Amino acid sequence: MPQPPSGRRPLSRGARRKYGVIVKRIWPFVVGAILVLIGIIWTLQGIGVLGGSAMSGQAMWAIVGPIVGVIGVVLIVVGAARRRTGDRD
């Protein structure tokens, strides 16, 4: 079997499957954490705690921020529930 240009061996079918399962289990945590952080920043900007932006002091961001944060928390909870039940889709 010829070597790929990078010099690394291609992953076996089992390794690709295991990697795919890991990615499916981790992505809700990563995306959820990012959304929670964005939600916190937007909320703080909206209520005027964080300045220096066009978003600072704007009521819309004080409303949108918590909504985005809650969506992030929901993703984290769903990811934890999937992990606990062993769902491997």
N, C-alpha and C. Protein backbone atom coordinates (compact mmCIF):
# COMPACT_ATOMS: atom_id res chain seq x y z
N MET A 1 0.85 -1.18 0.00
CA MET A 1 0.00 0.00 0.00
C MET A 1 0.90 1.24 0.00
N PRO A 2 0.67 2.18 -0.93
CA PRO A 2 1.52 3.37 -0.98
C PRO A 2 1.25 4.29 0.22
N GLN A 3 2.31 4.97 0.64
CA GLN A 3 2.20 5.89 1.77
C GLN A 3 1.54 7.19 1.32
N PRO A 4 0.72 7.80 2.19
CA PRO A 4 0.17 9.11 1.85
C PRO A 4 1.29 10.15 1.82
N PRO A 5 1.08 11.28 1.14
CA PRO A 5 2.13 12.29 1.00
C PRO A 5 2.68 12.79 2.33
N SER A 6 1.88 12.79 3.38
CA SER A 6 2.36 13.31 4.67
C SER A 6 3.32 12.37 5.36
N GLY A 7 3.43 11.13 4.89
CA GLY A 7 4.31 10.16 5.51
C GLY A 7 3.64 9.40 6.65
N ARG A 8 2.41 9.76 6.99
CA ARG A 8 1.70 9.06 8.06
C ARG A 8 0.83 7.97 7.45
N ARG A 9 0.65 6.90 8.22
CA ARG A 9 -0.21 5.82 7.75
C ARG A 9 -1.66 6.25 7.88
N PRO A 10 -2.51 5.84 6.95
CA PRO A 10 -3.94 6.15 7.07
C PRO A 10 -4.54 5.40 8.25
N LEU A 11 -5.58 5.97 8.84
CA LEU A 11 -6.25 5.32 9.97
C LEU A 11 -7.01 4.09 9.49
N SER A 12 -7.00 3.07 10.32
CA SER A 12 -7.77 1.87 10.01
C SER A 12 -9.26 2.18 10.17
N ARG A 13 -10.09 1.30 9.67
CA ARG A 13 -11.53 1.49 9.76
C ARG A 13 -11.98 1.60 11.22
N GLY A 14 -11.44 0.75 12.09
CA GLY A 14 -11.80 0.78 13.50
C GLY A 14 -11.38 2.08 14.17
N ALA A 15 -10.19 2.56 13.82
CA ALA A 15 -9.70 3.81 14.40
C ALA A 15 -10.55 4.99 13.93
N ARG A 16 -10.95 4.99 12.65
CA ARG A 16 -11.81 6.07 12.14
C ARG A 16 -13.15 6.05 12.85
N ARG A 17 -13.69 4.85 13.08
CA ARG A 17 -14.98 4.73 13.75
C ARG A 17 -14.89 5.22 15.20
N LYS A 18 -13.82 4.83 15.89
CA LYS A 18 -13.62 5.25 17.28
C LYS A 18 -13.46 6.77 17.34
N TYR A 19 -12.70 7.34 16.42
CA TYR A 19 -12.51 8.79 16.36
C TYR A 19 -13.84 9.49 16.12
N GLY A 20 -14.67 8.94 15.24
CA GLY A 20 -15.98 9.52 14.95
C GLY A 20 -16.89 9.51 16.17
N VAL A 21 -16.84 8.44 16.95
CA VAL A 21 -17.65 8.35 18.16
C VAL A 21 -17.19 9.40 19.17
N ILE A 22 -15.88 9.56 19.31
CA ILE A 22 -15.35 10.55 20.24
C ILE A 22 -15.78 11.96 19.84
N VAL A 23 -15.68 12.27 18.55
CA VAL A 23 -16.08 13.59 18.06
C VAL A 23 -17.56 13.83 18.31
N LYS A 24 -18.40 12.82 18.06
CA LYS A 24 -19.83 12.97 18.28
C LYS A 24 -20.15 13.20 19.75
N ARG A 25 -19.37 12.63 20.64
CA ARG A 25 -19.62 12.80 22.07
C ARG A 25 -19.10 14.13 22.59
N ILE A 26 -18.05 14.68 21.99
CA ILE A 26 -17.42 15.88 22.51
C ILE A 26 -18.03 17.17 21.95
N TRP A 27 -18.50 17.15 20.71
CA TRP A 27 -18.93 18.40 20.08
C TRP A 27 -20.00 19.15 20.86
N PRO A 28 -20.98 18.51 21.51
CA PRO A 28 -21.96 19.31 22.26
C PRO A 28 -21.32 20.09 23.41
N PHE A 29 -20.30 19.52 24.04
CA PHE A 29 -19.62 20.21 25.14
C PHE A 29 -18.85 21.42 24.62
N VAL A 30 -18.13 21.25 23.53
CA VAL A 30 -17.32 22.33 22.98
C VAL A 30 -18.21 23.47 22.48
N VAL A 31 -19.18 23.14 21.66
CA VAL A 31 -20.08 24.17 21.12
C VAL A 31 -20.88 24.81 22.26
N GLY A 32 -21.35 24.01 23.21
CA GLY A 32 -22.10 24.54 24.34
C GLY A 32 -21.27 25.50 25.16
N ALA A 33 -20.02 25.14 25.44
CA ALA A 33 -19.15 26.03 26.22
C ALA A 33 -18.89 27.34 25.49
N ILE A 34 -18.68 27.27 24.18
CA ILE A 34 -18.47 28.49 23.40
C ILE A 34 -19.71 29.37 23.45
N LEU A 35 -20.89 28.77 23.30
CA LEU A 35 -22.12 29.55 23.35
C LEU A 35 -22.34 30.18 24.72
N VAL A 36 -22.01 29.46 25.79
CA VAL A 36 -22.15 30.02 27.13
C VAL A 36 -21.23 31.23 27.28
N LEU A 37 -19.98 31.12 26.83
CA LEU A 37 -19.05 32.24 26.93
C LEU A 37 -19.53 33.44 26.12
N ILE A 38 -20.00 33.19 24.90
CA ILE A 38 -20.52 34.28 24.07
C ILE A 38 -21.72 34.92 24.74
N GLY A 39 -22.60 34.10 25.31
CA GLY A 39 -23.77 34.62 26.00
C GLY A 39 -23.41 35.50 27.18
N ILE A 40 -22.39 35.09 27.94
CA ILE A 40 -21.95 35.91 29.08
C ILE A 40 -21.39 37.24 28.60
N ILE A 41 -20.55 37.19 27.58
CA ILE A 41 -19.96 38.43 27.05
C ILE A 41 -21.04 39.36 26.53
N TRP A 42 -21.97 38.84 25.73
CA TRP A 42 -23.03 39.68 25.19
C TRP A 42 -23.91 40.27 26.29
N THR A 43 -24.19 39.47 27.32
CA THR A 43 -25.00 39.97 28.42
C THR A 43 -24.28 41.11 29.13
N LEU A 44 -23.00 40.92 29.44
CA LEU A 44 -22.24 41.96 30.11
C LEU A 44 -22.12 43.22 29.26
N GLN A 45 -21.99 43.06 27.96
CA GLN A 45 -21.97 44.22 27.08
C GLN A 45 -23.33 44.91 27.05
N GLY A 46 -24.38 44.11 27.00
CA GLY A 46 -25.72 44.68 26.93
C GLY A 46 -26.10 45.48 28.16
N ILE A 47 -25.64 45.04 29.34
CA ILE A 47 -25.98 45.77 30.55
C ILE A 47 -24.96 46.86 30.87
N GLY A 48 -23.95 47.00 30.03
CA GLY A 48 -22.99 48.09 30.15
C GLY A 48 -21.79 47.81 31.04
N VAL A 49 -21.60 46.57 31.47
CA VAL A 49 -20.44 46.23 32.30
C VAL A 49 -19.17 46.19 31.46
N LEU A 50 -19.25 45.59 30.28
CA LEU A 50 -18.12 45.58 29.34
C LEU A 50 -18.33 46.69 28.32
N GLY A 51 -17.41 47.60 28.27
CA GLY A 51 -17.54 48.71 27.33
C GLY A 51 -16.63 48.53 26.13
N GLY A 52 -16.59 49.57 25.31
CA GLY A 52 -15.69 49.57 24.17
C GLY A 52 -16.23 48.91 22.93
N SER A 53 -17.54 48.75 22.85
CA SER A 53 -18.13 48.09 21.69
C SER A 53 -19.43 48.80 21.33
N ALA A 54 -19.85 48.64 20.09
CA ALA A 54 -21.15 49.19 19.68
C ALA A 54 -22.29 48.46 20.38
N MET A 55 -22.00 47.29 20.92
CA MET A 55 -23.01 46.51 21.62
C MET A 55 -23.19 46.97 23.07
N SER A 56 -22.24 47.73 23.58
CA SER A 56 -22.28 48.15 24.98
C SER A 56 -23.47 49.05 25.26
N GLY A 57 -24.19 48.71 26.31
CA GLY A 57 -25.33 49.50 26.73
C GLY A 57 -26.59 49.30 25.89
N GLN A 58 -26.58 48.34 24.99
CA GLN A 58 -27.73 48.07 24.13
C GLN A 58 -28.59 46.97 24.76
N ALA A 59 -29.84 47.28 25.00
CA ALA A 59 -30.75 46.34 25.67
C ALA A 59 -30.91 45.04 24.89
N MET A 60 -30.84 45.11 23.58
CA MET A 60 -31.01 43.90 22.78
C MET A 60 -30.00 42.83 23.18
N TRP A 61 -28.75 43.21 23.42
CA TRP A 61 -27.71 42.24 23.77
C TRP A 61 -27.88 41.73 25.19
N ALA A 62 -28.53 42.51 26.04
CA ALA A 62 -28.84 42.05 27.39
C ALA A 62 -29.93 40.98 27.36
N ILE A 63 -30.67 40.91 26.28
CA ILE A 63 -31.71 39.89 26.11
C ILE A 63 -31.18 38.69 25.32
N VAL A 64 -30.47 38.97 24.24
CA VAL A 64 -29.95 37.91 23.37
C VAL A 64 -28.88 37.09 24.09
N GLY A 65 -28.04 37.74 24.88
CA GLY A 65 -26.94 37.05 25.57
C GLY A 65 -27.40 35.89 26.44
N PRO A 66 -28.37 36.12 27.35
CA PRO A 66 -28.84 34.99 28.17
C PRO A 66 -29.49 33.88 27.35
N ILE A 67 -30.16 34.23 26.27
CA ILE A 67 -30.79 33.22 25.42
C ILE A 67 -29.72 32.32 24.81
N VAL A 68 -28.65 32.93 24.29
CA VAL A 68 -27.56 32.16 23.70
C VAL A 68 -26.88 31.31 24.78
N GLY A 69 -26.71 31.88 25.97
CA GLY A 69 -26.11 31.13 27.08
C GLY A 69 -26.93 29.92 27.47
N VAL A 70 -28.26 30.07 27.51
CA VAL A 70 -29.14 28.95 27.86
C VAL A 70 -29.06 27.87 26.80
N ILE A 71 -28.99 28.25 25.53
CA ILE A 71 -28.84 27.27 24.45
C ILE A 71 -27.54 26.48 24.65
N GLY A 72 -26.47 27.18 25.05
CA GLY A 72 -25.21 26.50 25.32
C GLY A 72 -25.32 25.52 26.46
N VAL A 73 -26.01 25.91 27.53
CA VAL A 73 -26.20 25.01 28.67
C VAL A 73 -27.01 23.78 28.25
N VAL A 74 -28.03 23.99 27.43
CA VAL A 74 -28.85 22.87 26.95
C VAL A 74 -27.98 21.89 26.15
N LEU A 75 -27.11 22.41 25.29
CA LEU A 75 -26.22 21.52 24.53
C LEU A 75 -25.32 20.72 25.45
N ILE A 76 -24.80 21.36 26.48
CA ILE A 76 -23.94 20.65 27.43
C ILE A 76 -24.72 19.56 28.15
N VAL A 77 -25.94 19.86 28.57
CA VAL A 77 -26.77 18.88 29.29
C VAL A 77 -27.13 17.72 28.36
N VAL A 78 -27.48 18.03 27.12
CA VAL A 78 -27.81 16.97 26.15
C VAL A 78 -26.58 16.09 25.91
N GLY A 79 -25.41 16.71 25.78
CA GLY A 79 -24.18 15.95 25.59
C GLY A 79 -23.89 15.05 26.77
N ALA A 80 -24.13 15.55 27.98
CA ALA A 80 -23.90 14.73 29.18
C ALA A 80 -24.90 13.58 29.24
N ALA A 81 -26.14 13.83 28.87
CA ALA A 81 -27.16 12.77 28.89
C ALA A 81 -26.83 11.70 27.86
N ARG A 82 -26.39 12.09 26.68
CA ARG A 82 -26.01 11.12 25.64
C ARG A 82 -24.84 10.28 26.11
N ARG A 83 -23.91 10.91 26.78
CA ARG A 83 -22.73 10.19 27.24
C ARG A 83 -23.11 9.18 28.32
N ARG A 84 -24.02 9.58 29.20
CA ARG A 84 -24.44 8.70 30.29
C ARG A 84 -25.19 7.48 29.77
N THR A 85 -26.02 7.68 28.75
CA THR A 85 -26.82 6.57 28.24
C THR A 85 -26.03 5.71 27.25
N GLY A 86 -24.87 6.20 26.81
CA GLY A 86 -24.06 5.41 25.89
C GLY A 86 -24.58 5.45 24.48
N ASP A 87 -25.36 6.47 24.13
CA ASP A 87 -25.92 6.59 22.78
C ASP A 87 -24.78 6.84 21.80
N ARG A 88 -24.66 5.98 20.79
CA ARG A 88 -23.57 6.10 19.83
C ARG A 88 -24.04 6.38 18.42
N ASP A 89 -25.25 6.72 18.24
CA ASP A 89 -25.82 7.03 16.91
C ASP A 89 -24.97 6.52 15.79
